[in-house]
Amino acid sequence: MDYPSILIKITGVVLFAWTARNFYKHLKHKHADRANNANAQSVSEQVFNNLLLYLWLAFMTAFSLGMIFNN
């Protein structure tokens, strides 16, 4: 295997690990907020923020997995 391909795969693994870590942190924080009732956002703001976050996480997951498996 050539060096650029190895570097791309390593970058994909790092991006995937970073994305998984951020998703886990988000779920942990969301669970803590639900337990403390410290949520001051409106419902529409929560929906749009979560939609944007989940779309970004889905994109980063697909992008990083594509870097790992397609190169």
N, C-alpha and C. Protein backbone atom coordinates (compact mmCIF):
# COMPACT_ATOMS: atom_id res chain seq x y z
N MET A 1 0.84 -1.18 0.00
CA MET A 1 0.00 0.00 0.00
C MET A 1 0.89 1.25 0.00
N ASP A 2 0.48 2.25 -0.72
CA ASP A 2 1.28 3.47 -0.79
C ASP A 2 0.98 4.40 0.40
N TYR A 3 1.87 5.35 0.63
CA TYR A 3 1.76 6.23 1.81
C TYR A 3 0.52 7.13 1.80
N PRO A 4 0.14 7.74 0.67
CA PRO A 4 -1.08 8.57 0.72
C PRO A 4 -2.32 7.77 1.12
N SER A 5 -2.42 6.55 0.65
CA SER A 5 -3.57 5.72 1.00
C SER A 5 -3.57 5.39 2.49
N ILE A 6 -2.42 5.11 3.04
CA ILE A 6 -2.31 4.83 4.48
C ILE A 6 -2.66 6.06 5.30
N LEU A 7 -2.18 7.23 4.88
CA LEU A 7 -2.48 8.47 5.60
C LEU A 7 -3.97 8.80 5.55
N ILE A 8 -4.61 8.53 4.41
CA ILE A 8 -6.05 8.79 4.29
C ILE A 8 -6.82 7.86 5.21
N LYS A 9 -6.43 6.59 5.28
CA LYS A 9 -7.10 5.64 6.17
C LYS A 9 -6.92 6.03 7.64
N ILE A 10 -5.73 6.47 8.00
CA ILE A 10 -5.48 6.90 9.38
C ILE A 10 -6.32 8.13 9.70
N THR A 11 -6.40 9.07 8.77
CA THR A 11 -7.23 10.26 8.95
C THR A 11 -8.70 9.88 9.09
N GLY A 12 -9.15 8.92 8.30
CA GLY A 12 -10.53 8.45 8.41
C GLY A 12 -10.82 7.84 9.77
N VAL A 13 -9.89 7.06 10.28
CA VAL A 13 -10.07 6.45 11.60
C VAL A 13 -10.12 7.52 12.69
N VAL A 14 -9.25 8.51 12.59
CA VAL A 14 -9.23 9.60 13.57
C VAL A 14 -10.54 10.39 13.52
N LEU A 15 -11.00 10.73 12.31
CA LEU A 15 -12.26 11.46 12.18
C LEU A 15 -13.44 10.66 12.70
N PHE A 16 -13.45 9.36 12.43
CA PHE A 16 -14.54 8.52 12.92
C PHE A 16 -14.52 8.43 14.44
N ALA A 17 -13.35 8.29 15.03
CA ALA A 17 -13.25 8.24 16.49
C ALA A 17 -13.69 9.56 17.11
N TRP A 18 -13.31 10.67 16.49
CA TRP A 18 -13.70 11.99 16.99
C TRP A 18 -15.21 12.17 16.90
N THR A 19 -15.81 11.72 15.80
CA THR A 19 -17.26 11.82 15.62
C THR A 19 -17.99 10.96 16.64
N ALA A 20 -17.53 9.74 16.84
CA ALA A 20 -18.16 8.84 17.82
C ALA A 20 -18.04 9.42 19.23
N ARG A 21 -16.89 9.99 19.55
CA ARG A 21 -16.69 10.60 20.87
C ARG A 21 -17.64 11.77 21.08
N ASN A 22 -17.79 12.62 20.07
CA ASN A 22 -18.69 13.77 20.20
C ASN A 22 -20.15 13.35 20.29
N PHE A 23 -20.53 12.29 19.58
CA PHE A 23 -21.89 11.78 19.68
C PHE A 23 -22.16 11.24 21.08
N TYR A 24 -21.19 10.52 21.63
CA TYR A 24 -21.33 10.00 22.99
C TYR A 24 -21.43 11.15 24.00
N LYS A 25 -20.59 12.18 23.85
CA LYS A 25 -20.64 13.33 24.76
C LYS A 25 -21.99 14.03 24.66
N HIS A 26 -22.54 14.14 23.44
CA HIS A 26 -23.83 14.79 23.26
C HIS A 26 -24.94 14.01 23.98
N LEU A 27 -24.94 12.69 23.80
CA LEU A 27 -25.96 11.88 24.47
C LEU A 27 -25.83 11.94 25.99
N LYS A 28 -24.62 11.93 26.48
CA LYS A 28 -24.37 12.02 27.92
C LYS A 28 -24.84 13.37 28.47
N HIS A 29 -24.54 14.45 27.75
CA HIS A 29 -24.95 15.79 28.17
C HIS A 29 -26.47 15.92 28.10
N LYS A 30 -27.08 15.37 27.06
CA LYS A 30 -28.53 15.44 26.90
C LYS A 30 -29.23 14.69 28.04
N HIS A 31 -28.68 13.55 28.42
CA HIS A 31 -29.25 12.77 29.53
C HIS A 31 -29.11 13.54 30.85
N ALA A 32 -27.98 14.20 31.05
CA ALA A 32 -27.77 14.98 32.27
C ALA A 32 -28.72 16.17 32.33
N ASP A 33 -28.96 16.83 31.18
CA ASP A 33 -29.89 17.95 31.15
C ASP A 33 -31.32 17.50 31.45
N ARG A 34 -31.67 16.33 30.93
CA ARG A 34 -33.01 15.81 31.16
C ARG A 34 -33.21 15.48 32.64
N ALA A 35 -32.18 14.98 33.30
CA ALA A 35 -32.27 14.63 34.71
C ALA A 35 -32.33 15.88 35.60
N ASN A 36 -31.66 16.95 35.18
CA ASN A 36 -31.61 18.18 35.99
C ASN A 36 -32.71 19.17 35.64
N ASN A 37 -33.44 18.94 34.54
CA ASN A 37 -34.45 19.87 34.05
C ASN A 37 -33.87 21.27 33.85
N ALA A 38 -32.62 21.32 33.39
CA ALA A 38 -31.94 22.60 33.19
C ALA A 38 -32.04 23.05 31.74
N ASN A 39 -33.08 22.65 31.05
CA ASN A 39 -33.21 22.94 29.64
C ASN A 39 -33.98 24.25 29.45
N ALA A 40 -33.32 25.26 28.91
CA ALA A 40 -33.94 26.56 28.75
C ALA A 40 -34.24 26.87 27.28
N GLN A 41 -34.06 25.91 26.38
CA GLN A 41 -34.33 26.15 24.97
C GLN A 41 -35.79 25.88 24.66
N SER A 42 -36.28 26.60 23.65
CA SER A 42 -37.63 26.32 23.19
C SER A 42 -37.63 25.01 22.40
N VAL A 43 -38.80 24.48 22.15
CA VAL A 43 -38.91 23.20 21.46
C VAL A 43 -38.39 23.31 20.03
N SER A 44 -38.74 24.39 19.34
CA SER A 44 -38.29 24.56 17.95
C SER A 44 -36.77 24.72 17.89
N GLU A 45 -36.20 25.41 18.86
CA GLU A 45 -34.75 25.58 18.90
C GLU A 45 -34.06 24.24 19.15
N GLN A 46 -34.62 23.43 20.02
CA GLN A 46 -34.07 22.09 20.26
C GLN A 46 -34.14 21.24 19.00
N VAL A 47 -35.26 21.28 18.30
CA VAL A 47 -35.43 20.47 17.10
C VAL A 47 -34.43 20.88 16.04
N PHE A 48 -34.29 22.17 15.79
CA PHE A 48 -33.37 22.62 14.75
C PHE A 48 -31.92 22.37 15.13
N ASN A 49 -31.56 22.58 16.38
CA ASN A 49 -30.19 22.31 16.82
C ASN A 49 -29.86 20.83 16.71
N ASN A 50 -30.77 19.98 17.16
CA ASN A 50 -30.53 18.54 17.08
C ASN A 50 -30.51 18.05 15.64
N LEU A 51 -31.40 18.57 14.80
CA LEU A 51 -31.40 18.19 13.39
C LEU A 51 -30.08 18.54 12.73
N LEU A 52 -29.61 19.74 12.96
CA LEU A 52 -28.33 20.16 12.40
C LEU A 52 -27.19 19.30 12.94
N LEU A 53 -27.19 19.02 14.21
CA LEU A 53 -26.14 18.19 14.81
C LEU A 53 -26.15 16.79 14.24
N TYR A 54 -27.33 16.17 14.15
CA TYR A 54 -27.40 14.80 13.67
C TYR A 54 -27.07 14.71 12.18
N LEU A 55 -27.44 15.70 11.39
CA LEU A 55 -27.04 15.71 9.98
C LEU A 55 -25.53 15.83 9.85
N TRP A 56 -24.93 16.68 10.67
CA TRP A 56 -23.47 16.82 10.63
C TRP A 56 -22.78 15.53 11.06
N LEU A 57 -23.27 14.89 12.11
CA LEU A 57 -22.67 13.64 12.56
C LEU A 57 -22.84 12.53 11.52
N ALA A 58 -23.99 12.50 10.84
CA ALA A 58 -24.19 11.50 9.78
C ALA A 58 -23.24 11.75 8.62
N PHE A 59 -23.06 13.02 8.24
CA PHE A 59 -22.12 13.35 7.17
C PHE A 59 -20.70 12.96 7.55
N MET A 60 -20.28 13.30 8.77
CA MET A 60 -18.91 12.99 9.19
C MET A 60 -18.70 11.49 9.30
N THR A 61 -19.71 10.75 9.71
CA THR A 61 -19.59 9.30 9.78
C THR A 61 -19.43 8.71 8.38
N ALA A 62 -20.27 9.14 7.45
CA ALA A 62 -20.18 8.64 6.08
C ALA A 62 -18.85 9.05 5.44
N PHE A 63 -18.42 10.27 5.68
CA PHE A 63 -17.17 10.77 5.10
C PHE A 63 -15.97 10.00 5.64
N SER A 64 -15.92 9.81 6.95
CA SER A 64 -14.78 9.12 7.54
C SER A 64 -14.76 7.64 7.17
N LEU A 65 -15.93 7.00 7.15
CA LEU A 65 -15.97 5.60 6.73
C LEU A 65 -15.61 5.45 5.25
N GLY A 66 -16.01 6.43 4.45
CA GLY A 66 -15.61 6.43 3.04
C GLY A 66 -14.12 6.56 2.87
N MET A 67 -13.50 7.35 3.72
CA MET A 67 -12.03 7.48 3.66
C MET A 67 -11.35 6.17 4.03
N ILE A 68 -11.96 5.43 4.95
CA ILE A 68 -11.36 4.18 5.40
C ILE A 68 -11.53 3.08 4.36
N PHE A 69 -12.75 2.90 3.85
CA PHE A 69 -13.05 1.74 3.01
C PHE A 69 -12.87 1.96 1.52
N ASN A 70 -12.93 3.21 1.04
CA ASN A 70 -12.86 3.43 -0.40
C ASN A 70 -11.46 3.75 -0.90
N ASN A 71 -10.50 3.87 -0.04
CA ASN A 71 -9.13 4.16 -0.52
C ASN A 71 -8.22 3.00 -0.27
